[in-house]
Amino acid sequence: MTSPQKAEHRPDYPPKTPPPPKRPVEPPRPNEPKHTPTSAARRRVSMANRRGVNWPLEAQPWAPAGAHKRVVKQLRQWGYRPNEEAVGNVVTLMVKAAVGDGGRRVSLHLADQNQQALVLVLSHQPGPTPDATVLPRLAELGASSCGTDSAPDGRRLWALLDL
């Protein structure tokens, strides 16, 4: 006798497939660029281990007056009694210089440490020509130290004030 051949068995349900991922797989991030020397690339502004505030301002004729009020008010909140006229003149001159660069906005940064205030103004206008008269005028107005530099992302002007 011959034995009956077994019929091929087919499943009654489809085979299980893995579910699709819940969110798409993120492609690998590019490697961070190697650190370049500060002479080749401009370092970003950073104020660490001290109090600091910043304000974005429109590059308009009224910006210097508003910047003056904000800086004096903030220094009072921090417990200083600044010479309002001296601080105001320095801040006003710096913001006027940044507004004169022709950009659309200006950034004002303020930090304090050891009875001194650092005022930093960024013009955000590519390639401005620094005004050679600003730094001597800042020194005349009472800045204990001041400086400026230009880069493709705008001019950075800073002054250190004794409080």
N, C-alpha and C. Protein backbone atom coordinates (compact mmCIF):
# COMPACT_ATOMS: atom_id res chain seq x y z
N MET A 1 0.80 -1.15 0.00
CA MET A 1 0.00 0.00 0.00
C MET A 1 0.86 1.24 0.00
N THR A 2 0.30 2.12 -0.60
CA THR A 2 1.04 3.37 -0.66
C THR A 2 0.46 4.32 0.38
N SER A 3 1.35 5.09 0.94
CA SER A 3 0.88 6.04 1.95
C SER A 3 0.45 7.34 1.27
N PRO A 4 -0.57 7.96 1.79
CA PRO A 4 -1.03 9.21 1.17
C PRO A 4 0.02 10.32 1.36
N GLN A 5 0.20 11.12 0.38
CA GLN A 5 1.14 12.23 0.50
C GLN A 5 0.50 13.35 1.32
N LYS A 6 1.37 13.98 2.11
CA LYS A 6 0.88 15.08 2.96
C LYS A 6 0.67 16.32 2.10
N ALA A 7 -0.45 16.94 2.31
CA ALA A 7 -0.72 18.18 1.60
C ALA A 7 0.05 19.32 2.28
N GLU A 8 0.52 20.27 1.49
CA GLU A 8 1.28 21.39 2.04
C GLU A 8 0.36 22.22 2.92
N HIS A 9 0.84 22.59 4.10
CA HIS A 9 0.03 23.34 5.05
C HIS A 9 0.22 24.83 4.84
N ARG A 10 -0.84 25.57 4.66
CA ARG A 10 -0.80 27.02 4.50
C ARG A 10 -1.42 27.65 5.74
N PRO A 11 -0.78 28.74 6.26
CA PRO A 11 -1.35 29.36 7.47
C PRO A 11 -2.67 30.05 7.15
N ASP A 12 -3.49 30.12 8.16
CA ASP A 12 -4.79 30.77 8.01
C ASP A 12 -4.69 32.30 8.16
N TYR A 13 -3.55 32.82 8.58
CA TYR A 13 -3.40 34.24 8.80
C TYR A 13 -2.07 34.67 8.18
N PRO A 14 -1.94 35.96 7.88
CA PRO A 14 -0.67 36.40 7.28
C PRO A 14 0.44 36.39 8.34
N PRO A 15 1.67 36.26 7.93
CA PRO A 15 2.75 36.25 8.90
C PRO A 15 2.90 37.62 9.55
N LYS A 16 3.38 37.63 10.78
CA LYS A 16 3.53 38.89 11.51
C LYS A 16 4.73 39.66 10.95
N THR A 17 4.49 40.95 10.74
CA THR A 17 5.57 41.82 10.31
C THR A 17 5.80 42.84 11.43
N PRO A 18 7.00 43.36 11.55
CA PRO A 18 7.23 44.34 12.63
C PRO A 18 6.46 45.62 12.34
N PRO A 19 5.96 46.27 13.39
CA PRO A 19 5.21 47.51 13.18
C PRO A 19 6.15 48.62 12.69
N PRO A 20 5.62 49.58 11.97
CA PRO A 20 6.47 50.69 11.51
C PRO A 20 6.91 51.53 12.72
N PRO A 21 8.03 52.22 12.60
CA PRO A 21 8.48 53.05 13.73
C PRO A 21 7.48 54.18 13.98
N LYS A 22 7.36 54.58 15.25
CA LYS A 22 6.39 55.61 15.61
C LYS A 22 6.81 56.98 15.08
N ARG A 23 8.09 57.25 15.04
CA ARG A 23 8.57 58.48 14.43
C ARG A 23 9.71 58.13 13.50
N PRO A 24 9.90 58.92 12.49
CA PRO A 24 10.94 58.59 11.52
C PRO A 24 12.32 58.56 12.17
N VAL A 25 13.15 57.76 11.64
CA VAL A 25 14.50 57.64 12.17
C VAL A 25 15.26 58.91 11.82
N GLU A 26 15.92 59.50 12.81
CA GLU A 26 16.66 60.74 12.60
C GLU A 26 18.00 60.42 11.95
N PRO A 27 18.33 61.11 10.88
CA PRO A 27 19.63 60.84 10.26
C PRO A 27 20.75 61.28 11.20
N PRO A 28 21.91 60.71 11.06
CA PRO A 28 23.00 61.09 11.96
C PRO A 28 23.37 62.56 11.77
N ARG A 29 23.68 63.22 12.87
CA ARG A 29 24.02 64.63 12.81
C ARG A 29 25.44 64.79 12.28
N PRO A 30 25.66 65.87 11.56
CA PRO A 30 27.02 66.08 11.05
C PRO A 30 27.97 66.37 12.20
N ASN A 31 29.22 66.08 11.99
CA ASN A 31 30.21 66.32 13.03
C ASN A 31 30.34 67.81 13.27
N GLU A 32 30.57 68.16 14.53
CA GLU A 32 30.78 69.55 14.88
C GLU A 32 32.07 70.03 14.21
N PRO A 33 32.09 71.29 13.76
CA PRO A 33 33.33 71.77 13.15
C PRO A 33 34.44 71.86 14.19
N LYS A 34 35.63 71.65 13.74
CA LYS A 34 36.78 71.74 14.63
C LYS A 34 36.91 73.17 15.12
N HIS A 35 37.45 73.32 16.32
CA HIS A 35 37.64 74.65 16.90
C HIS A 35 38.68 75.39 16.07
N THR A 36 38.30 76.60 15.64
CA THR A 36 39.23 77.42 14.87
C THR A 36 39.81 78.48 15.78
N PRO A 37 40.98 78.95 15.52
CA PRO A 37 41.56 79.99 16.36
C PRO A 37 40.71 81.25 16.33
N THR A 38 40.78 82.04 17.39
CA THR A 38 39.94 83.23 17.48
C THR A 38 40.26 84.25 16.41
N SER A 39 41.47 84.21 15.86
CA SER A 39 41.78 85.17 14.81
C SER A 39 41.04 84.85 13.52
N ALA A 40 40.75 83.59 13.27
CA ALA A 40 40.06 83.19 12.04
C ALA A 40 38.55 83.35 12.17
N ALA A 41 38.00 83.09 13.32
CA ALA A 41 36.55 83.19 13.52
C ALA A 41 36.28 83.98 14.79
N ARG A 42 35.26 84.78 14.76
CA ARG A 42 34.91 85.62 15.90
C ARG A 42 34.19 84.79 16.94
N ARG A 43 34.61 84.93 18.17
CA ARG A 43 33.96 84.21 19.25
C ARG A 43 32.65 84.89 19.60
N ARG A 44 31.68 84.09 20.00
CA ARG A 44 30.38 84.62 20.38
C ARG A 44 30.49 85.27 21.75
N VAL A 45 29.58 86.18 22.02
CA VAL A 45 29.55 86.87 23.29
C VAL A 45 29.07 85.91 24.37
N SER A 46 29.80 85.84 25.46
CA SER A 46 29.33 85.03 26.58
C SER A 46 29.72 85.73 27.87
N MET A 47 28.76 85.77 28.79
CA MET A 47 29.00 86.34 30.10
C MET A 47 28.64 85.26 31.10
N ALA A 48 29.65 84.65 31.71
CA ALA A 48 29.41 83.55 32.62
C ALA A 48 29.70 83.98 34.06
N ASN A 49 29.00 83.36 34.98
CA ASN A 49 29.22 83.55 36.41
C ASN A 49 29.01 84.99 36.86
N ARG A 50 28.06 85.67 36.26
CA ARG A 50 27.71 87.02 36.68
C ARG A 50 26.29 87.32 36.23
N ARG A 51 25.72 88.32 36.84
CA ARG A 51 24.38 88.72 36.42
C ARG A 51 24.46 89.43 35.08
N GLY A 52 23.45 89.24 34.28
CA GLY A 52 23.43 89.91 32.99
C GLY A 52 22.03 89.94 32.42
N VAL A 53 21.78 90.95 31.63
CA VAL A 53 20.50 91.09 30.92
C VAL A 53 20.81 91.60 29.51
N ASN A 54 19.86 91.41 28.62
CA ASN A 54 20.02 91.97 27.28
C ASN A 54 18.66 92.40 26.75
N TRP A 55 18.70 93.34 25.83
CA TRP A 55 17.49 93.87 25.24
C TRP A 55 17.68 94.01 23.74
N PRO A 56 16.75 93.52 22.92
CA PRO A 56 16.79 93.83 21.49
C PRO A 56 16.13 95.19 21.28
N LEU A 57 16.73 96.00 20.46
CA LEU A 57 16.20 97.34 20.19
C LEU A 57 16.06 97.54 18.69
N GLU A 58 15.07 98.32 18.30
CA GLU A 58 14.95 98.73 16.90
C GLU A 58 16.01 99.78 16.64
N ALA A 59 16.60 99.76 15.48
CA ALA A 59 17.60 100.76 15.12
C ALA A 59 16.87 102.02 14.66
N GLN A 60 16.34 102.75 15.61
CA GLN A 60 15.58 103.96 15.35
C GLN A 60 16.18 105.11 16.17
N PRO A 61 15.87 106.35 15.81
CA PRO A 61 16.44 107.49 16.54
C PRO A 61 16.09 107.53 18.03
N TRP A 62 14.99 106.93 18.44
CA TRP A 62 14.61 106.96 19.84
C TRP A 62 15.24 105.83 20.67
N ALA A 63 15.95 104.93 20.05
CA ALA A 63 16.54 103.80 20.76
C ALA A 63 17.55 104.21 21.84
N PRO A 64 18.42 105.21 21.63
CA PRO A 64 19.38 105.56 22.68
C PRO A 64 18.73 106.01 23.99
N ALA A 65 17.64 106.76 23.91
CA ALA A 65 16.98 107.22 25.14
C ALA A 65 16.38 106.04 25.90
N GLY A 66 15.76 105.12 25.18
CA GLY A 66 15.21 103.93 25.84
C GLY A 66 16.29 103.06 26.44
N ALA A 67 17.42 102.93 25.76
CA ALA A 67 18.53 102.13 26.27
C ALA A 67 19.08 102.74 27.55
N HIS A 68 19.21 104.07 27.57
CA HIS A 68 19.70 104.77 28.76
C HIS A 68 18.81 104.46 29.97
N LYS A 69 17.50 104.57 29.79
CA LYS A 69 16.56 104.32 30.90
C LYS A 69 16.64 102.88 31.38
N ARG A 70 16.73 101.93 30.45
CA ARG A 70 16.78 100.52 30.84
C ARG A 70 18.03 100.18 31.63
N VAL A 71 19.17 100.70 31.20
CA VAL A 71 20.44 100.40 31.88
C VAL A 71 20.43 100.98 33.29
N VAL A 72 20.03 102.23 33.44
CA VAL A 72 20.01 102.86 34.76
C VAL A 72 19.03 102.13 35.68
N LYS A 73 17.86 101.79 35.17
CA LYS A 73 16.86 101.08 35.97
C LYS A 73 17.40 99.72 36.43
N GLN A 74 18.07 98.99 35.53
CA GLN A 74 18.59 97.67 35.88
C GLN A 74 19.71 97.78 36.92
N LEU A 75 20.58 98.76 36.77
CA LEU A 75 21.66 98.94 37.75
C LEU A 75 21.08 99.26 39.12
N ARG A 76 20.01 100.03 39.18
CA ARG A 76 19.35 100.32 40.47
C ARG A 76 18.75 99.04 41.06
N GLN A 77 18.15 98.20 40.22
CA GLN A 77 17.58 96.95 40.72
C GLN A 77 18.66 96.04 41.29
N TRP A 78 19.85 96.11 40.75
CA TRP A 78 20.96 95.31 41.26
C TRP A 78 21.60 95.92 42.51
N GLY A 79 21.11 97.09 42.94
CA GLY A 79 21.60 97.69 44.17
C GLY A 79 22.70 98.72 43.99
N TYR A 80 22.97 99.16 42.79
CA TYR A 80 23.97 100.19 42.56
C TYR A 80 23.32 101.57 42.55
N ARG A 81 24.13 102.57 42.81
CA ARG A 81 23.68 103.95 42.67
C ARG A 81 24.54 104.61 41.59
N PRO A 82 24.21 104.36 40.35
CA PRO A 82 25.07 104.86 39.27
C PRO A 82 24.92 106.36 39.08
N ASN A 83 25.98 106.96 38.58
CA ASN A 83 25.91 108.35 38.14
C ASN A 83 25.10 108.33 36.84
N GLU A 84 23.83 108.72 36.96
CA GLU A 84 22.92 108.58 35.82
C GLU A 84 23.40 109.32 34.58
N GLU A 85 23.97 110.48 34.78
CA GLU A 85 24.41 111.27 33.63
C GLU A 85 25.57 110.59 32.91
N ALA A 86 26.56 110.11 33.68
CA ALA A 86 27.73 109.47 33.07
C ALA A 86 27.34 108.17 32.37
N VAL A 87 26.57 107.32 33.06
CA VAL A 87 26.14 106.06 32.47
C VAL A 87 25.26 106.32 31.26
N GLY A 88 24.36 107.27 31.38
CA GLY A 88 23.46 107.59 30.27
C GLY A 88 24.21 108.09 29.05
N ASN A 89 25.22 108.94 29.27
CA ASN A 89 25.99 109.47 28.13
C ASN A 89 26.75 108.36 27.41
N VAL A 90 27.34 107.43 28.18
CA VAL A 90 28.08 106.32 27.57
C VAL A 90 27.14 105.42 26.77
N VAL A 91 26.03 105.03 27.38
CA VAL A 91 25.07 104.15 26.71
C VAL A 91 24.48 104.83 25.48
N THR A 92 24.13 106.10 25.60
CA THR A 92 23.56 106.83 24.48
C THR A 92 24.54 106.90 23.31
N LEU A 93 25.81 107.21 23.59
CA LEU A 93 26.81 107.28 22.52
C LEU A 93 26.99 105.93 21.84
N MET A 94 27.03 104.86 22.63
CA MET A 94 27.22 103.52 22.05
C MET A 94 26.05 103.12 21.17
N VAL A 95 24.84 103.34 21.63
CA VAL A 95 23.66 102.95 20.86
C VAL A 95 23.52 103.82 19.62
N LYS A 96 23.84 105.11 19.73
CA LYS A 96 23.80 105.98 18.55
C LYS A 96 24.78 105.49 17.49
N ALA A 97 25.96 105.07 17.93
CA ALA A 97 26.94 104.55 16.97
C ALA A 97 26.44 103.30 16.29
N ALA A 98 25.78 102.40 17.04
CA ALA A 98 25.25 101.17 16.46
C ALA A 98 24.08 101.46 15.52
N VAL A 99 23.22 102.40 15.89
CA VAL A 99 22.11 102.78 15.02
C VAL A 99 22.65 103.40 13.74
N GLY A 100 23.74 104.15 13.85
CA GLY A 100 24.35 104.79 12.69
C GLY A 100 24.96 103.80 11.70
N ASP A 101 25.15 102.55 12.12
CA ASP A 101 25.69 101.53 11.21
C ASP A 101 24.69 101.15 10.13
N GLY A 102 23.42 101.50 10.31
CA GLY A 102 22.43 101.29 9.25
C GLY A 102 21.69 99.97 9.29
N GLY A 103 21.79 99.21 10.36
CA GLY A 103 21.07 97.95 10.47
C GLY A 103 19.62 98.15 10.86
N ARG A 104 18.89 97.05 11.00
CA ARG A 104 17.48 97.12 11.38
C ARG A 104 17.29 96.95 12.88
N ARG A 105 18.29 96.35 13.54
CA ARG A 105 18.15 96.11 14.98
C ARG A 105 19.49 96.30 15.65
N VAL A 106 19.42 96.47 16.96
CA VAL A 106 20.58 96.64 17.81
C VAL A 106 20.35 95.80 19.05
N SER A 107 21.40 95.18 19.58
CA SER A 107 21.28 94.41 20.82
C SER A 107 22.10 95.11 21.89
N LEU A 108 21.50 95.26 23.06
CA LEU A 108 22.16 95.89 24.20
C LEU A 108 22.31 94.85 25.30
N HIS A 109 23.54 94.66 25.78
CA HIS A 109 23.82 93.69 26.84
C HIS A 109 24.42 94.42 28.02
N LEU A 110 24.05 93.99 29.24
CA LEU A 110 24.57 94.61 30.45
C LEU A 110 24.91 93.51 31.44
N ALA A 111 26.09 93.60 32.04
CA ALA A 111 26.50 92.65 33.08
C ALA A 111 27.24 93.42 34.15
N ASP A 112 27.30 92.85 35.36
CA ASP A 112 28.04 93.51 36.44
C ASP A 112 28.92 92.51 37.16
N GLN A 113 30.00 93.03 37.73
CA GLN A 113 30.90 92.22 38.54
C GLN A 113 31.87 93.16 39.24
N ASN A 114 32.08 92.95 40.53
CA ASN A 114 33.07 93.70 41.31
C ASN A 114 32.92 95.21 41.15
N GLN A 115 31.72 95.72 41.37
CA GLN A 115 31.43 97.15 41.30
C GLN A 115 31.75 97.77 39.93
N GLN A 116 31.64 96.97 38.89
CA GLN A 116 31.81 97.45 37.52
C GLN A 116 30.67 96.93 36.67
N ALA A 117 30.31 97.69 35.66
CA ALA A 117 29.27 97.28 34.71
C ALA A 117 29.86 97.20 33.32
N LEU A 118 29.54 96.15 32.62
CA LEU A 118 29.95 95.99 31.23
C LEU A 118 28.73 96.27 30.36
N VAL A 119 28.87 97.22 29.46
CA VAL A 119 27.82 97.55 28.50
C VAL A 119 28.33 97.14 27.13
N LEU A 120 27.56 96.33 26.43
CA LEU A 120 27.96 95.82 25.12
C LEU A 120 26.82 96.08 24.15
N VAL A 121 27.15 96.64 22.99
CA VAL A 121 26.14 96.94 21.97
C VAL A 121 26.57 96.26 20.67
N LEU A 122 25.64 95.52 20.05
CA LEU A 122 25.88 94.85 18.77
C LEU A 122 25.00 95.51 17.71
N SER A 123 25.61 95.82 16.56
CA SER A 123 24.84 96.52 15.52
C SER A 123 24.15 95.58 14.54
N HIS A 124 24.60 94.35 14.39
CA HIS A 124 24.01 93.36 13.49
C HIS A 124 24.00 93.80 12.03
N GLN A 125 24.83 94.76 11.66
CA GLN A 125 24.92 95.22 10.28
C GLN A 125 26.24 94.73 9.70
N PRO A 126 26.20 93.94 8.61
CA PRO A 126 27.44 93.41 8.05
C PRO A 126 28.38 94.49 7.55
N GLY A 127 29.63 94.35 7.95
CA GLY A 127 30.70 95.19 7.44
C GLY A 127 30.63 96.66 7.70
N PRO A 128 30.20 97.14 8.89
CA PRO A 128 30.21 98.58 9.11
C PRO A 128 31.64 99.08 9.30
N THR A 129 31.85 100.31 8.95
CA THR A 129 33.16 100.93 9.18
C THR A 129 33.16 101.55 10.56
N PRO A 130 34.07 101.12 11.43
CA PRO A 130 34.08 101.69 12.78
C PRO A 130 34.38 103.19 12.75
N ASP A 131 33.65 103.92 13.55
CA ASP A 131 33.87 105.35 13.70
C ASP A 131 35.06 105.54 14.63
N ALA A 132 36.10 106.21 14.14
CA ALA A 132 37.34 106.36 14.91
C ALA A 132 37.18 107.28 16.12
N THR A 133 36.11 108.08 16.17
CA THR A 133 35.95 109.02 17.27
C THR A 133 35.19 108.45 18.45
N VAL A 134 34.59 107.28 18.30
CA VAL A 134 33.74 106.74 19.37
C VAL A 134 34.56 106.36 20.60
N LEU A 135 35.65 105.64 20.43
CA LEU A 135 36.42 105.18 21.59
C LEU A 135 37.01 106.33 22.40
N PRO A 136 37.64 107.34 21.79
CA PRO A 136 38.12 108.45 22.62
C PRO A 136 36.99 109.18 23.35
N ARG A 137 35.84 109.30 22.71
CA ARG A 137 34.71 109.96 23.36
C ARG A 137 34.19 109.13 24.53
N LEU A 138 34.19 107.81 24.39
CA LEU A 138 33.77 106.95 25.52
C LEU A 138 34.73 107.12 26.70
N ALA A 139 36.02 107.19 26.43
CA ALA A 139 37.00 107.39 27.50
C ALA A 139 36.79 108.74 28.18
N GLU A 140 36.48 109.77 27.40
CA GLU A 140 36.22 111.09 27.98
C GLU A 140 34.98 111.08 28.87
N LEU A 141 34.00 110.26 28.50
CA LEU A 141 32.74 110.22 29.25
C LEU A 141 32.84 109.38 30.53
N GLY A 142 33.96 108.72 30.76
CA GLY A 142 34.14 108.01 32.03
C GLY A 142 34.26 106.50 31.92
N ALA A 143 34.36 105.95 30.73
CA ALA A 143 34.54 104.50 30.60
C ALA A 143 35.97 104.16 31.03
N SER A 144 36.11 103.21 31.96
CA SER A 144 37.44 102.83 32.42
C SER A 144 38.17 102.00 31.37
N SER A 145 37.43 101.34 30.49
CA SER A 145 38.00 100.58 29.39
C SER A 145 36.93 100.47 28.32
N CYS A 146 37.34 100.43 27.05
CA CYS A 146 36.37 100.31 25.98
C CYS A 146 37.05 99.72 24.76
N GLY A 147 36.24 99.23 23.83
CA GLY A 147 36.80 98.63 22.63
C GLY A 147 35.72 98.37 21.59
N THR A 148 36.18 98.01 20.40
CA THR A 148 35.26 97.71 19.31
C THR A 148 35.93 96.72 18.37
N ASP A 149 35.13 95.96 17.67
CA ASP A 149 35.63 95.13 16.59
C ASP A 149 34.52 94.94 15.57
N SER A 150 34.93 94.66 14.33
CA SER A 150 33.98 94.49 13.24
C SER A 150 34.13 93.09 12.68
N ALA A 151 33.03 92.54 12.22
CA ALA A 151 33.01 91.21 11.61
C ALA A 151 31.86 91.19 10.61
N PRO A 152 31.76 90.13 9.82
CA PRO A 152 30.66 90.06 8.84
C PRO A 152 29.27 90.14 9.48
N ASP A 153 29.14 89.76 10.75
CA ASP A 153 27.81 89.81 11.38
C ASP A 153 27.56 91.12 12.11
N GLY A 154 28.45 92.10 12.01
CA GLY A 154 28.21 93.41 12.58
C GLY A 154 29.31 93.88 13.49
N ARG A 155 29.12 95.07 14.03
CA ARG A 155 30.11 95.66 14.92
C ARG A 155 29.73 95.41 16.37
N ARG A 156 30.74 95.16 17.17
CA ARG A 156 30.56 94.95 18.61
C ARG A 156 31.31 96.08 19.30
N LEU A 157 30.60 96.83 20.14
CA LEU A 157 31.17 97.96 20.85
C LEU A 157 30.91 97.75 22.34
N TRP A 158 31.96 97.86 23.16
CA TRP A 158 31.79 97.60 24.58
C TRP A 158 32.50 98.67 25.41
N ALA A 159 32.00 98.86 26.63
CA ALA A 159 32.62 99.80 27.57
C ALA A 159 32.45 99.23 28.99
N LEU A 160 33.47 99.42 29.80
CA LEU A 160 33.47 98.99 31.19
C LEU A 160 33.37 100.23 32.05
N LEU A 161 32.37 100.26 32.93
CA LEU A 161 32.12 101.44 33.77
C LEU A 161 32.33 101.10 35.23
N ASP A 162 33.04 101.96 35.95
CA ASP A 162 33.16 101.80 37.40
C ASP A 162 31.91 102.36 38.05
N LEU A 163 31.35 101.60 38.99
CA LEU A 163 30.11 102.03 39.64
C LEU A 163 30.41 102.53 41.02
